[in-house]
Protein backbone atom coordinates (compact mmCIF):
# COMPACT_ATOMS: atom_id res chain seq x y z
CA MET A 1 5.65 34.43 64.19
CA THR A 2 4.73 37.97 65.28
CA ALA A 3 4.39 38.31 69.04
CA ARG A 4 0.97 38.99 70.50
CA PHE A 5 -0.22 42.62 70.09
CA ALA A 6 -0.49 43.14 73.87
CA ASP A 7 2.98 41.70 74.54
CA ARG A 8 4.62 44.04 72.02
CA LEU A 9 2.65 47.02 73.26
CA LEU A 10 3.34 46.40 76.96
CA ALA A 11 7.06 45.82 76.35
CA TRP A 12 7.21 49.17 74.59
CA PHE A 13 5.20 50.85 77.36
CA ASP A 14 7.46 49.45 80.07
CA ALA A 15 10.45 50.97 78.30
CA HIS A 16 8.99 54.30 77.19
CA ARG A 17 6.10 55.30 79.42
CA ARG A 18 5.96 58.89 80.59
CA ASP A 19 6.34 59.48 84.31
CA LEU A 20 2.97 61.05 85.06
CA PRO A 21 1.96 61.65 88.70
CA TRP A 22 -1.40 59.89 88.45
CA ARG A 23 0.41 56.74 87.26
CA ARG A 24 2.06 56.44 90.66
CA THR A 25 -1.17 55.66 92.48
CA ARG A 26 -3.96 53.10 92.41
CA ASP A 27 -6.30 55.29 94.46
CA PRO A 28 -9.55 55.18 92.45
CA TRP A 29 -10.54 58.74 93.41
CA ALA A 30 -7.19 60.17 92.29
CA ILE A 31 -7.42 58.18 89.05
CA TRP A 32 -11.01 59.31 88.48
CA VAL A 33 -9.94 62.95 88.92
CA SER A 34 -7.06 62.52 86.46
CA GLU A 35 -9.26 60.95 83.80
CA ILE A 36 -11.82 63.75 84.01
CA MET A 37 -9.12 66.42 83.90
CA LEU A 38 -7.42 64.83 80.89
CA GLN A 39 -10.53 65.01 78.74
CA GLN A 40 -9.95 67.68 76.08
CA THR A 41 -6.94 69.03 77.97
CA ARG A 42 -3.20 68.72 77.36
CA VAL A 43 -1.26 66.45 79.71
CA GLU A 44 1.16 69.21 80.67
CA ALA A 45 -1.72 71.47 81.74
CA VAL A 46 -3.07 68.70 83.98
CA ARG A 47 0.10 67.85 85.94
CA ALA A 48 0.09 70.76 88.39
CA ALA A 49 -3.70 71.06 88.45
CA TRP A 50 -4.11 67.38 89.40
CA GLN A 51 -1.56 67.56 92.19
CA ARG A 52 -3.12 70.75 93.55
CA PHE A 53 -6.60 69.24 93.35
CA VAL A 54 -5.89 65.93 95.11
CA GLN A 55 -4.03 67.75 97.88
CA ARG A 56 -7.01 70.04 98.42
CA PHE A 57 -9.65 67.31 97.91
CA PRO A 58 -8.05 63.93 98.71
CA THR A 59 -11.35 62.04 98.95
CA PRO A 60 -14.80 62.16 97.34
CA ALA A 61 -16.24 63.40 100.64
CA SER A 62 -13.85 66.36 100.74
CA PHE A 63 -14.93 67.48 97.26
CA ALA A 64 -18.62 66.73 97.74
CA GLY A 65 -18.97 69.74 100.06
CA ALA A 66 -17.05 72.18 97.83
CA SER A 67 -18.80 75.41 96.92
CA ASP A 68 -18.98 76.56 93.32
CA ASP A 69 -16.21 79.10 93.88
CA GLU A 70 -14.00 76.45 95.52
CA LEU A 71 -14.71 74.19 92.55
CA PHE A 72 -13.70 76.91 90.07
CA ALA A 73 -10.51 77.65 91.99
CA ALA A 74 -9.53 73.98 92.09
CA TRP A 75 -10.23 73.57 88.38
CA ARG A 76 -8.41 76.69 87.22
CA GLY A 77 -6.43 76.34 84.04
CA LEU A 78 -8.47 73.41 82.73
CA GLY A 79 -11.66 74.92 81.28
CA TYR A 80 -14.77 72.89 80.44
CA TYR A 81 -16.12 73.46 83.94
CA ARG A 82 -19.10 71.22 83.38
CA ARG A 83 -16.67 68.32 83.90
CA ALA A 84 -15.88 69.62 87.39
CA ARG A 85 -19.55 69.99 88.27
CA LEU A 86 -20.25 66.42 87.15
CA LEU A 87 -17.24 65.20 89.14
CA ARG A 88 -18.67 66.89 92.22
CA ASP A 89 -22.09 65.33 91.50
CA GLY A 90 -20.34 61.97 91.29
CA ALA A 91 -18.50 62.56 94.56
CA ARG A 92 -21.78 63.43 96.26
CA ARG A 93 -23.35 60.24 94.95
CA VAL A 94 -20.39 58.21 96.26
CA VAL A 95 -20.85 59.78 99.70
CA ALA A 96 -24.62 59.28 99.72
CA GLU A 97 -24.75 55.76 98.30
CA HIS A 98 -21.34 54.16 98.85
CA GLY A 99 -20.13 55.47 102.18
CA GLY A 100 -17.59 57.74 100.53
CA VAL A 101 -15.75 54.83 98.89
CA VAL A 102 -15.49 54.71 95.08
CA PRO A 103 -17.23 51.43 94.16
CA ASN A 104 -15.23 48.73 92.39
CA ASP A 105 -18.33 47.25 90.74
CA PRO A 106 -18.47 48.43 87.09
CA ALA A 107 -22.26 48.62 87.16
CA ALA A 108 -22.17 50.90 90.20
CA LEU A 109 -19.39 53.00 88.68
CA ALA A 110 -21.39 53.41 85.49
CA GLU A 111 -24.27 54.92 87.46
CA LEU A 112 -22.17 57.80 88.75
CA PRO A 113 -22.61 61.22 87.07
CA GLY A 114 -19.96 62.07 84.51
CA ILE A 115 -18.73 58.50 84.02
CA GLY A 116 -19.20 57.27 80.47
CA ASP A 117 -17.84 54.18 78.75
CA TYR A 118 -14.30 55.52 78.47
CA THR A 119 -14.03 56.77 82.06
CA LEU A 120 -15.59 53.56 83.35
CA GLY A 121 -13.02 51.46 81.53
CA ALA A 122 -10.13 53.63 82.65
CA ILE A 123 -11.06 53.65 86.35
CA ALA A 124 -12.06 49.98 86.47
CA SER A 125 -8.92 48.77 84.71
CA ILE A 126 -6.33 51.07 86.29
CA ALA A 127 -7.66 51.22 89.85
CA PHE A 128 -9.29 47.80 90.13
CA ALA A 129 -7.46 45.70 87.48
CA GLN A 130 -10.74 44.80 85.77
CA ALA A 131 -10.50 43.77 82.12
CA LEU A 132 -12.54 46.56 80.55
CA PRO A 133 -11.45 48.60 77.52
CA ALA A 134 -10.93 52.36 77.68
CA VAL A 135 -11.45 53.84 74.23
CA ASP A 136 -10.55 57.50 73.76
CA GLY A 137 -9.58 59.43 70.64
CA ASN A 138 -6.03 58.13 70.73
CA VAL A 139 -7.24 54.55 70.91
CA GLU A 140 -9.71 55.12 68.08
CA ARG A 141 -6.89 56.35 65.89
CA VAL A 142 -4.60 53.40 66.65
CA ALA A 143 -7.37 50.87 66.08
CA ALA A 144 -8.61 52.53 62.88
CA ARG A 145 -5.14 52.46 61.37
CA HIS A 146 -4.09 49.06 62.61
CA ARG A 147 -7.32 47.38 61.50
CA GLY A 148 -7.93 49.58 58.45
CA ILE A 149 -11.32 50.83 59.64
CA ALA A 150 -12.54 53.19 56.91
CA ASP A 151 -16.00 53.98 58.34
CA GLU A 152 -16.46 57.45 59.84
CA ILE A 153 -14.87 56.93 63.24
CA ARG A 154 -17.82 58.14 65.31
CA SER A 155 -20.34 56.02 63.41
CA ARG A 156 -21.83 52.99 65.08
CA PRO A 157 -20.09 50.46 62.78
CA ALA A 158 -16.70 52.06 63.41
CA ARG A 159 -17.22 52.26 67.16
CA GLU A 160 -18.22 48.61 67.28
CA ARG A 161 -15.18 47.56 65.25
CA VAL A 162 -12.83 49.64 67.40
CA ARG A 163 -14.24 48.20 70.61
CA ALA A 164 -14.02 44.67 69.23
CA ALA A 165 -10.38 45.23 68.26
CA VAL A 166 -9.46 46.56 71.70
CA LEU A 167 -11.27 43.71 73.45
CA GLY A 168 -9.35 41.27 71.28
CA TRP A 169 -6.03 42.87 72.15
CA LEU A 170 -6.74 43.53 75.85
CA ASP A 171 -4.30 41.93 78.28
CA HIS A 172 -6.28 40.43 81.15
CA GLU A 173 -3.28 40.24 83.46
CA ARG A 174 -2.43 43.95 83.12
CA PRO A 175 -5.59 45.64 81.82
CA GLY A 176 -4.82 49.03 83.35
CA ASP A 177 -1.31 49.12 81.92
CA PHE A 178 -2.62 47.90 78.57
CA ASN A 179 -5.23 50.67 78.32
CA GLN A 180 -2.69 53.30 79.30
CA ALA A 181 -0.18 51.87 76.84
CA LEU A 182 -2.65 52.03 73.98
CA MET A 183 -3.50 55.64 74.78
CA GLU A 184 0.21 56.43 75.14
CA LEU A 185 0.90 54.91 71.74
CA GLY A 186 -1.71 57.17 70.15
CA ALA A 187 -0.45 60.24 71.99
CA MET A 188 3.27 59.76 71.38
CA VAL A 189 3.73 57.59 68.26
CA CYS A 190 0.52 57.07 66.26
CA THR A 191 -0.16 60.80 66.23
CA PRO A 192 -2.82 62.53 64.09
CA THR A 193 -0.19 63.82 61.66
CA SER A 194 3.25 62.42 60.83
CA PRO A 195 2.96 59.20 62.88
CA ALA A 196 6.34 57.68 63.81
CA CYS A 197 5.67 54.27 62.29
CA ASP A 198 9.37 53.36 62.53
CA ARG A 199 9.08 53.55 66.34
CA CYS A 200 5.75 51.75 66.63
CA PRO A 201 5.86 48.38 68.42
CA VAL A 202 2.83 47.06 66.50
CA ALA A 203 3.66 48.41 63.05
CA ALA A 204 4.56 45.00 61.61
CA ASP A 205 0.92 44.03 61.10
CA CYS A 206 -0.63 47.51 60.77
CA THR A 207 -3.05 47.63 57.86
CA ALA A 208 -2.71 51.38 57.24
CA ARG A 209 1.07 51.27 57.22
CA ARG A 210 1.07 48.39 54.75
CA ALA A 211 -1.45 50.16 52.51
CA GLY A 212 0.04 53.63 52.87
CA THR A 213 -3.22 55.06 54.27
CA THR A 214 -2.14 56.32 57.70
CA ALA A 215 -2.80 59.94 56.68
CA ALA A 216 -6.37 59.08 55.64
CA LEU A 217 -7.33 57.28 58.84
CA PRO A 218 -9.31 57.64 60.96
CA VAL A 219 -12.07 59.09 58.81
CA ARG A 220 -13.76 62.02 60.52
CA LYS A 221 -16.62 64.34 59.64
CA PRO A 222 -15.47 67.79 58.47
CA ARG A 223 -14.96 70.21 61.30
CA ARG A 224 -17.79 72.61 61.95
CA ALA A 225 -17.09 75.97 60.33
CA PRO A 226 -15.93 78.58 62.85
CA VAL A 227 -18.40 81.30 63.81
CA ALA A 228 -17.04 84.81 64.29
CA VAL A 229 -18.45 86.70 67.29
CA THR A 230 -17.88 90.37 68.05
CA ALA A 231 -18.81 90.58 71.72
CA ARG A 232 -18.77 93.69 73.90
CA ALA A 233 -18.65 94.27 77.64
CA ALA A 234 -18.20 97.11 80.07
CA CYS A 235 -15.01 97.25 82.11
CA VAL A 236 -15.23 99.36 85.27
CA LEU A 237 -12.36 99.14 87.75
CA ARG A 238 -12.46 100.53 91.28
CA GLY A 239 -9.38 99.95 93.38
CA ALA A 240 -8.76 96.22 93.52
CA CYS A 241 -12.25 95.39 92.26
CA ALA A 242 -14.14 95.31 88.98
CA LEU A 243 -17.82 95.43 88.17
CA GLY A 244 -19.11 92.01 87.18
CA ALA A 245 -21.99 89.57 87.08
CA ARG A 246 -22.46 85.87 87.62
CA VAL A 247 -22.96 83.92 84.40
CA PRO A 248 -26.42 82.32 84.46
CA ASP A 249 -26.93 78.58 84.23
CA GLY A 250 -27.17 77.34 80.68
CA GLU A 251 -24.61 79.82 79.32
CA PRO A 252 -20.89 79.21 78.70
CA ASN A 253 -18.87 79.67 81.93
CA ALA A 254 -22.02 79.28 84.07
CA GLY A 255 -21.39 80.26 87.68
CA GLN A 256 -18.26 82.24 86.94
CA VAL A 257 -17.98 86.01 87.02
CA GLU A 258 -17.91 87.90 83.72
CA LEU A 259 -17.60 91.49 82.64
CA PRO A 260 -21.16 92.78 82.17
CA GLY A 261 -22.40 92.59 78.61
CA ALA A 262 -24.80 90.82 76.30
CA GLY A 263 -23.02 87.49 76.72
CA VAL A 264 -19.70 86.21 75.44
CA LEU A 265 -21.29 84.45 72.45
CA VAL A 266 -23.49 87.38 71.43
CA SER A 267 -22.34 89.84 68.79
CA ALA A 268 -23.34 93.37 69.74
CA THR A 269 -22.88 96.98 68.72
CA GLU A 270 -22.14 99.64 71.32
CA ALA A 271 -25.82 100.63 71.35
CA GLU A 272 -26.86 96.99 71.79
CA LEU A 273 -24.41 96.66 74.68
CA ALA A 274 -26.09 99.54 76.51
CA GLN A 275 -29.49 97.97 75.89
CA ALA A 276 -28.28 94.57 77.13
CA LEU A 277 -26.96 96.11 80.35
CA ARG A 278 -30.35 97.62 81.07
CA ARG A 279 -32.25 94.47 80.08
CA ARG A 280 -30.07 91.91 81.84
CA PHE A 281 -28.97 93.80 84.93
CA ALA A 282 -31.24 96.88 85.26
CA ALA A 283 -28.00 98.86 85.00
CA ARG A 284 -27.34 102.16 83.28
CA LEU A 285 -23.75 102.68 82.24
CA GLU A 286 -22.39 105.49 80.12
CA LEU A 287 -20.09 103.76 77.67
CA GLY A 288 -16.75 105.14 76.60
CA PRO A 289 -14.05 104.03 74.17
CA VAL A 290 -12.74 100.49 73.81
CA LEU A 291 -9.98 99.93 76.38
CA ALA A 292 -8.88 96.52 75.19
CA THR A 293 -9.80 93.86 72.67
CA VAL A 294 -9.02 90.22 73.43
CA ARG A 295 -9.55 87.01 71.51
CA HIS A 296 -11.01 83.82 72.89
CA ALA A 297 -12.40 80.56 71.55
CA ILE A 298 -15.31 78.50 72.87
CA THR A 299 -16.02 75.32 70.87
CA HIS A 300 -16.32 76.54 67.26
CA HIS A 301 -16.84 80.20 68.18
CA ARG A 302 -13.98 82.65 67.58
CA ILE A 303 -14.63 85.64 69.79
CA ASP A 304 -13.29 89.18 69.65
CA LEU A 305 -14.30 90.78 72.95
CA HIS A 306 -14.21 94.59 73.03
CA ALA A 307 -14.04 95.90 76.59
CA HIS A 308 -15.41 99.44 76.85
CA ALA A 309 -14.63 102.01 79.48
CA ALA A 310 -17.80 102.96 81.31
CA THR A 311 -19.17 105.30 83.95
CA VAL A 312 -21.76 103.86 86.32
CA ARG A 313 -25.00 105.82 86.55
CA GLU A 314 -27.15 103.02 88.00
CA ARG A 315 -25.50 99.77 89.08
CA GLY A 316 -28.70 97.70 89.12
CA ARG A 317 -27.92 94.05 89.83
CA LEU A 318 -24.22 94.32 89.00
CA GLN A 319 -21.73 93.75 91.82
CA TRP A 320 -18.14 94.63 92.68
CA PHE A 321 -15.85 91.59 92.68
CA PRO A 322 -12.22 91.48 93.86
CA LEU A 323 -9.43 91.02 91.33
CA ASP A 324 -7.95 88.05 93.14
CA GLU A 325 -7.52 84.31 92.77
CA ALA A 326 -10.55 83.54 94.92
CA THR A 327 -12.93 85.24 92.48
CA PRO A 328 -13.82 82.92 89.57
CA TRP A 329 -13.43 85.45 86.77
CA SER A 330 -14.03 83.97 83.33
CA THR A 331 -11.08 83.56 80.99
CA PRO A 332 -12.17 86.42 78.67
CA ALA A 333 -12.39 88.74 81.68
CA ARG A 334 -8.96 87.67 82.90
CA LYS A 335 -7.52 88.36 79.48
CA VAL A 336 -8.95 91.88 79.59
CA PHE A 337 -7.49 92.49 83.05
CA GLY A 338 -4.14 91.14 81.94
CA ARG A 339 -4.14 93.53 78.99
CA LEU A 340 -5.16 96.55 81.08
CA LEU A 341 -3.24 95.94 84.29
CA GLY A 342 -0.13 94.34 82.83
CA GLY A 343 1.54 91.17 84.01
CA GLU A 344 -0.63 88.28 85.01
CA ALA A 345 -4.38 88.47 85.29
CA PRO A 346 -6.13 86.85 88.26
CA ALA A 347 -5.17 83.19 88.23
CA GLN A 348 -8.69 81.80 87.83
CA THR A 349 -9.54 80.44 84.37
């Protein structure tokens, strides 16, 4: 008789789990931070950022009072800054409504900004040993293959079947370890391509392995076609400063500092760049040749950013910002500085 799914999975996890710093704590705030950081970000990129963050902001109250620039500095290297803003909103709610203590009641956790079904299950199970599932992309893939779920994975039928499978497997004695083990299996063994089925602890009763359909599962909608953007900006350096502007709310990189232009997702000619500088910032800059061209990606946009030399005639609403770690320069701007100045650009991303 084949051993219970959870028993096989947990035995494998106990023997092969990665030593990740957030797995050495049961502090719900530290775990919450790690789960938000890990969304859409590689584990290796999160290690140092998580340790730096929890040292700087060891409690919800310490982060609740962080300024935008402090937030950007703490989140550097991770991108998707909306996650950090929602985490700060959540920390403020914890301070205002829960005395600064992360609540252990799932209903109260679910009310906090930035906490969806996955994050709720992860925090509740890992920090508070509550038997809730945590279904991320790795878990979806494992469940789809093991149960042979052929519906498009983000469809309601597929999501319901995945959740039902995980609830059926969930170990109520070690729910946090179980959820982490299932995610670990998807990340390290049941990978999107070339899964290592010979090393999988639950391969014996895997539907996809038996049917030879691992490559076809999970079923996903076709990726959105990439959109090419030819963006332009002015690059004016003065000593240890550069001319820049805060990115307005509602635009990518909101709150950060960018090189002045029409916007990082807006294709523009040189003439359109000059017009955008006047329209957006009441600035008049005499544009020169392209100093550097850098590439960047935001969601499905593939951006070529041309940074033009410029002479300032009227600065308008543009400001001088230092080229240092404390200034939250956007990643495209940092790439330009790195190209022009050599070595490393300012450390903010």
